[in-house]
Amino acid sequence: METYGWFKDEFEKAEDTFDFKLESLEILLIERLIARMEECGISRSDLAGRMNTSKAYISKLFNNGSNMTLKSMLVLAEAVDCSLSIELVEKATNYRTESYFPYRKKEYPQTSDDYILETG
């Protein structure tokens, strides 16, 4: 993301905070989940059924993922026939938010076609 002036300074301060990193990871998971749902033709109602939960719970996760646990992430992955992978990656000297979103083709994706999905 290209930023300028005072906003650039403020953005750089913010992106090094724990909360920013947490939100970035939650957004990444939800973006990948939505892309997978679109790919498989799974609606939010279908997802709720597969998870044996309410549609309201799915909306809560999608709108405010901050309550996600490893268990809820694994249940979400299983519900869309995926596995969940977690890895530790050493921080780069010049940490940037883009490292959380390596599969984006465009700066502001609008559809699942704007992502490169990992295979294999």
C-alpha atoms as a PDB file:
ATOM      1  CA  MET A   1       0.000   0.000   0.000  1.00  0.00           C
ATOM      2  CA  GLU A   2       1.471   3.339  -1.025  1.00  0.00           C
ATOM      3  CA  THR A   3       0.988   6.052   1.592  1.00  0.00           C
ATOM      4  CA  TYR A   4       2.188   9.655   1.742  1.00  0.00           C
ATOM      5  CA  GLY A   5       2.928  12.460   4.200  1.00  0.00           C
ATOM      6  CA  TRP A   6       1.642  12.425   7.752  1.00  0.00           C
ATOM      7  CA  PHE A   7      -0.589   9.449   7.013  1.00  0.00           C
ATOM      8  CA  LYS A   8       2.445   7.392   6.036  1.00  0.00           C
ATOM      9  CA  ASP A   9       4.068   8.045   9.414  1.00  0.00           C
ATOM     10  CA  GLU A  10       0.894   7.224  11.335  1.00  0.00           C
ATOM     11  CA  PHE A  11       0.232   4.101   9.264  1.00  0.00           C
ATOM     12  CA  GLU A  12       3.765   2.812   9.858  1.00  0.00           C
ATOM     13  CA  LYS A  13       3.312   3.279  13.608  1.00  0.00           C
ATOM     14  CA  ALA A  14      -0.041   1.490  13.568  1.00  0.00           C
ATOM     15  CA  GLU A  15       1.050  -1.480  11.482  1.00  0.00           C
ATOM     16  CA  ASP A  16       3.638  -2.455  14.054  1.00  0.00           C
ATOM     17  CA  THR A  17       1.042  -2.836  16.811  1.00  0.00           C
ATOM     18  CA  PHE A  18      -0.241  -6.169  18.054  1.00  0.00           C
ATOM     19  CA  ASP A  19      -3.874  -5.210  17.365  1.00  0.00           C
ATOM     20  CA  PHE A  20      -3.120  -4.299  13.744  1.00  0.00           C
ATOM     21  CA  LYS A  21      -1.318  -7.592  13.177  1.00  0.00           C
ATOM     22  CA  LEU A  22      -4.159  -9.547  14.795  1.00  0.00           C
ATOM     23  CA  GLU A  23      -6.799  -7.807  12.671  1.00  0.00           C
ATOM     24  CA  SER A  24      -4.691  -8.418   9.548  1.00  0.00           C
ATOM     25  CA  LEU A  25      -4.540 -12.140  10.247  1.00  0.00           C
ATOM     26  CA  GLU A  26      -8.273 -12.314  10.948  1.00  0.00           C
ATOM     27  CA  ILE A  27      -9.031 -10.471   7.717  1.00  0.00           C
ATOM     28  CA  LEU A  28      -6.739 -12.802   5.796  1.00  0.00           C
ATOM     29  CA  LEU A  29      -8.497 -15.885   7.157  1.00  0.00           C
ATOM     30  CA  ILE A  30     -11.959 -14.478   6.418  1.00  0.00           C
ATOM     31  CA  GLU A  31     -10.910 -13.390   2.891  1.00  0.00           C
ATOM     32  CA  ARG A  32      -9.596 -16.874   2.129  1.00  0.00           C
ATOM     33  CA  LEU A  33     -12.686 -18.470   3.636  1.00  0.00           C
ATOM     34  CA  ILE A  34     -14.997 -16.307   1.516  1.00  0.00           C
ATOM     35  CA  ALA A  35     -12.970 -17.075  -1.608  1.00  0.00           C
ATOM     36  CA  ARG A  36     -13.232 -20.799  -0.861  1.00  0.00           C
ATOM     37  CA  MET A  37     -16.972 -20.513  -0.203  1.00  0.00           C
ATOM     38  CA  GLU A  38     -17.487 -18.751  -3.543  1.00  0.00           C
ATOM     39  CA  GLU A  39     -15.348 -21.349  -5.303  1.00  0.00           C
ATOM     40  CA  CYS A  40     -17.451 -24.180  -3.843  1.00  0.00           C
ATOM     41  CA  GLY A  41     -20.832 -22.424  -4.013  1.00  0.00           C
ATOM     42  CA  ILE A  42     -21.265 -22.435  -0.232  1.00  0.00           C
ATOM     43  CA  SER A  43     -23.537 -19.780   1.257  1.00  0.00           C
ATOM     44  CA  ARG A  44     -23.331 -18.476   4.808  1.00  0.00           C
ATOM     45  CA  SER A  45     -26.413 -20.531   5.629  1.00  0.00           C
ATOM     46  CA  ASP A  46     -24.743 -23.621   4.179  1.00  0.00           C
ATOM     47  CA  LEU A  47     -21.623 -22.887   6.206  1.00  0.00           C
ATOM     48  CA  ALA A  48     -23.675 -22.557   9.391  1.00  0.00           C
ATOM     49  CA  GLY A  49     -25.301 -25.921   8.649  1.00  0.00           C
ATOM     50  CA  ARG A  50     -21.959 -27.580   8.016  1.00  0.00           C
ATOM     51  CA  MET A  51     -20.682 -26.202  11.324  1.00  0.00           C
ATOM     52  CA  ASN A  52     -23.885 -27.107  13.183  1.00  0.00           C
ATOM     53  CA  THR A  53     -24.259 -23.505  14.341  1.00  0.00           C
ATOM     54  CA  SER A  54     -26.457 -20.486  13.637  1.00  0.00           C
ATOM     55  CA  LYS A  55     -26.200 -18.077  10.733  1.00  0.00           C
ATOM     56  CA  ALA A  56     -25.921 -15.304  13.357  1.00  0.00           C
ATOM     57  CA  TYR A  57     -22.726 -16.921  14.683  1.00  0.00           C
ATOM     58  CA  ILE A  58     -21.279 -16.991  11.152  1.00  0.00           C
ATOM     59  CA  SER A  59     -22.137 -13.304  10.709  1.00  0.00           C
ATOM     60  CA  LYS A  60     -20.477 -12.519  14.035  1.00  0.00           C
ATOM     61  CA  LEU A  61     -17.297 -14.318  12.952  1.00  0.00           C
ATOM     62  CA  PHE A  62     -17.279 -12.565   9.582  1.00  0.00           C
ATOM     63  CA  ASN A  63     -17.937  -9.128  11.086  1.00  0.00           C
ATOM     64  CA  ASN A  64     -15.806  -9.393  14.210  1.00  0.00           C
ATOM     65  CA  GLY A  65     -13.353 -12.251  14.041  1.00  0.00           C
ATOM     66  CA  SER A  66     -11.532 -11.146  17.177  1.00  0.00           C
ATOM     67  CA  ASN A  67     -13.154 -13.940  19.173  1.00  0.00           C
ATOM     68  CA  MET A  68     -11.706 -16.630  16.921  1.00  0.00           C
ATOM     69  CA  THR A  69      -9.918 -19.471  18.604  1.00  0.00           C
ATOM     70  CA  LEU A  70      -7.818 -22.174  17.013  1.00  0.00           C
ATOM     71  CA  LYS A  71     -10.811 -24.440  17.484  1.00  0.00           C
ATOM     72  CA  SER A  72     -13.175 -22.101  15.605  1.00  0.00           C
ATOM     73  CA  MET A  73     -10.588 -21.624  12.827  1.00  0.00           C
ATOM     74  CA  LEU A  74     -10.232 -25.393  12.450  1.00  0.00           C
ATOM     75  CA  VAL A  75     -14.007 -25.866  12.398  1.00  0.00           C
ATOM     76  CA  LEU A  76     -14.281 -23.178   9.685  1.00  0.00           C
ATOM     77  CA  ALA A  77     -11.556 -24.839   7.603  1.00  0.00           C
ATOM     78  CA  GLU A  78     -13.142 -28.272   7.931  1.00  0.00           C
ATOM     79  CA  ALA A  79     -16.538 -26.842   6.955  1.00  0.00           C
ATOM     80  CA  VAL A  80     -15.142 -25.780   3.571  1.00  0.00           C
ATOM     81  CA  ASP A  81     -13.202 -29.046   3.082  1.00  0.00           C
ATOM     82  CA  CYS A  82      -9.809 -27.509   3.833  1.00  0.00           C
ATOM     83  CA  SER A  83      -7.091 -28.096   6.360  1.00  0.00           C
ATOM     84  CA  LEU A  84      -5.726 -25.375   8.615  1.00  0.00           C
ATOM     85  CA  SER A  85      -2.032 -24.612   8.573  1.00  0.00           C
ATOM     86  CA  ILE A  86      -0.190 -22.378  11.007  1.00  0.00           C
ATOM     87  CA  GLU A  87       3.455 -21.512  10.690  1.00  0.00           C
ATOM     88  CA  LEU A  88       5.919 -19.237  12.412  1.00  0.00           C
ATOM     89  CA  VAL A  89       7.896 -17.010  10.075  1.00  0.00           C
ATOM     90  CA  GLU A  90      10.852 -14.973  11.218  1.00  0.00           C
ATOM     91  CA  LYS A  91      10.135 -11.252  11.020  1.00  0.00           C
ATOM     92  CA  ALA A  92      11.809  -9.401   8.197  1.00  0.00           C
ATOM     93  CA  THR A  93      13.946  -6.383   9.028  1.00  0.00           C
ATOM     94  CA  ASN A  94      11.504  -4.139   7.170  1.00  0.00           C
ATOM     95  CA  TYR A  95       8.199  -5.622   8.307  1.00  0.00           C
ATOM     96  CA  ARG A  96       5.271  -4.675   6.116  1.00  0.00           C
ATOM     97  CA  THR A  97       1.589  -5.566   6.243  1.00  0.00           C
ATOM     98  CA  GLU A  98       1.827  -6.937   2.704  1.00  0.00           C
ATOM     99  CA  SER A  99       3.580  -9.973   4.177  1.00  0.00           C
ATOM    100  CA  TYR A 100       0.221 -10.977   5.659  1.00  0.00           C
ATOM    101  CA  PHE A 101      -1.413 -10.766   2.236  1.00  0.00           C
ATOM    102  CA  PRO A 102       1.021 -12.429  -0.178  1.00  0.00           C
ATOM    103  CA  TYR A 103      -1.696 -13.817  -2.435  1.00  0.00           C
ATOM    104  CA  ARG A 104      -3.301 -10.547  -3.474  1.00  0.00           C
ATOM    105  CA  LYS A 105      -3.001  -9.632  -7.128  1.00  0.00           C
ATOM    106  CA  LYS A 106      -4.493  -6.162  -6.669  1.00  0.00           C
ATOM    107  CA  GLU A 107      -4.275  -3.580  -3.948  1.00  0.00           C
ATOM    108  CA  TYR A 108      -8.019  -3.688  -3.196  1.00  0.00           C
ATOM    109  CA  PRO A 109      -9.499  -7.057  -4.206  1.00  0.00           C
ATOM    110  CA  GLN A 110     -13.162  -7.056  -5.092  1.00  0.00           C
ATOM    111  CA  THR A 111     -13.811 -10.715  -5.920  1.00  0.00           C
ATOM    112  CA  SER A 112     -12.242 -14.096  -5.323  1.00  0.00           C
ATOM    113  CA  ASP A 113     -10.659 -13.739  -8.801  1.00  0.00           C
ATOM    114  CA  ASP A 114      -8.423 -11.054  -7.272  1.00  0.00           C
ATOM    115  CA  TYR A 115      -6.562 -13.706  -5.271  1.00  0.00           C
ATOM    116  CA  ILE A 116      -4.053 -16.344  -6.154  1.00  0.00           C
ATOM    117  CA  LEU A 117      -5.086 -19.384  -4.155  1.00  0.00           C
ATOM    118  CA  GLU A 118      -2.462 -21.829  -2.966  1.00  0.00           C
ATOM    119  CA  THR A 119      -2.786 -25.358  -4.262  1.00  0.00           C
ATOM    120  CA  GLY A 120      -1.072 -28.500  -3.139  1.00  0.00           C
END
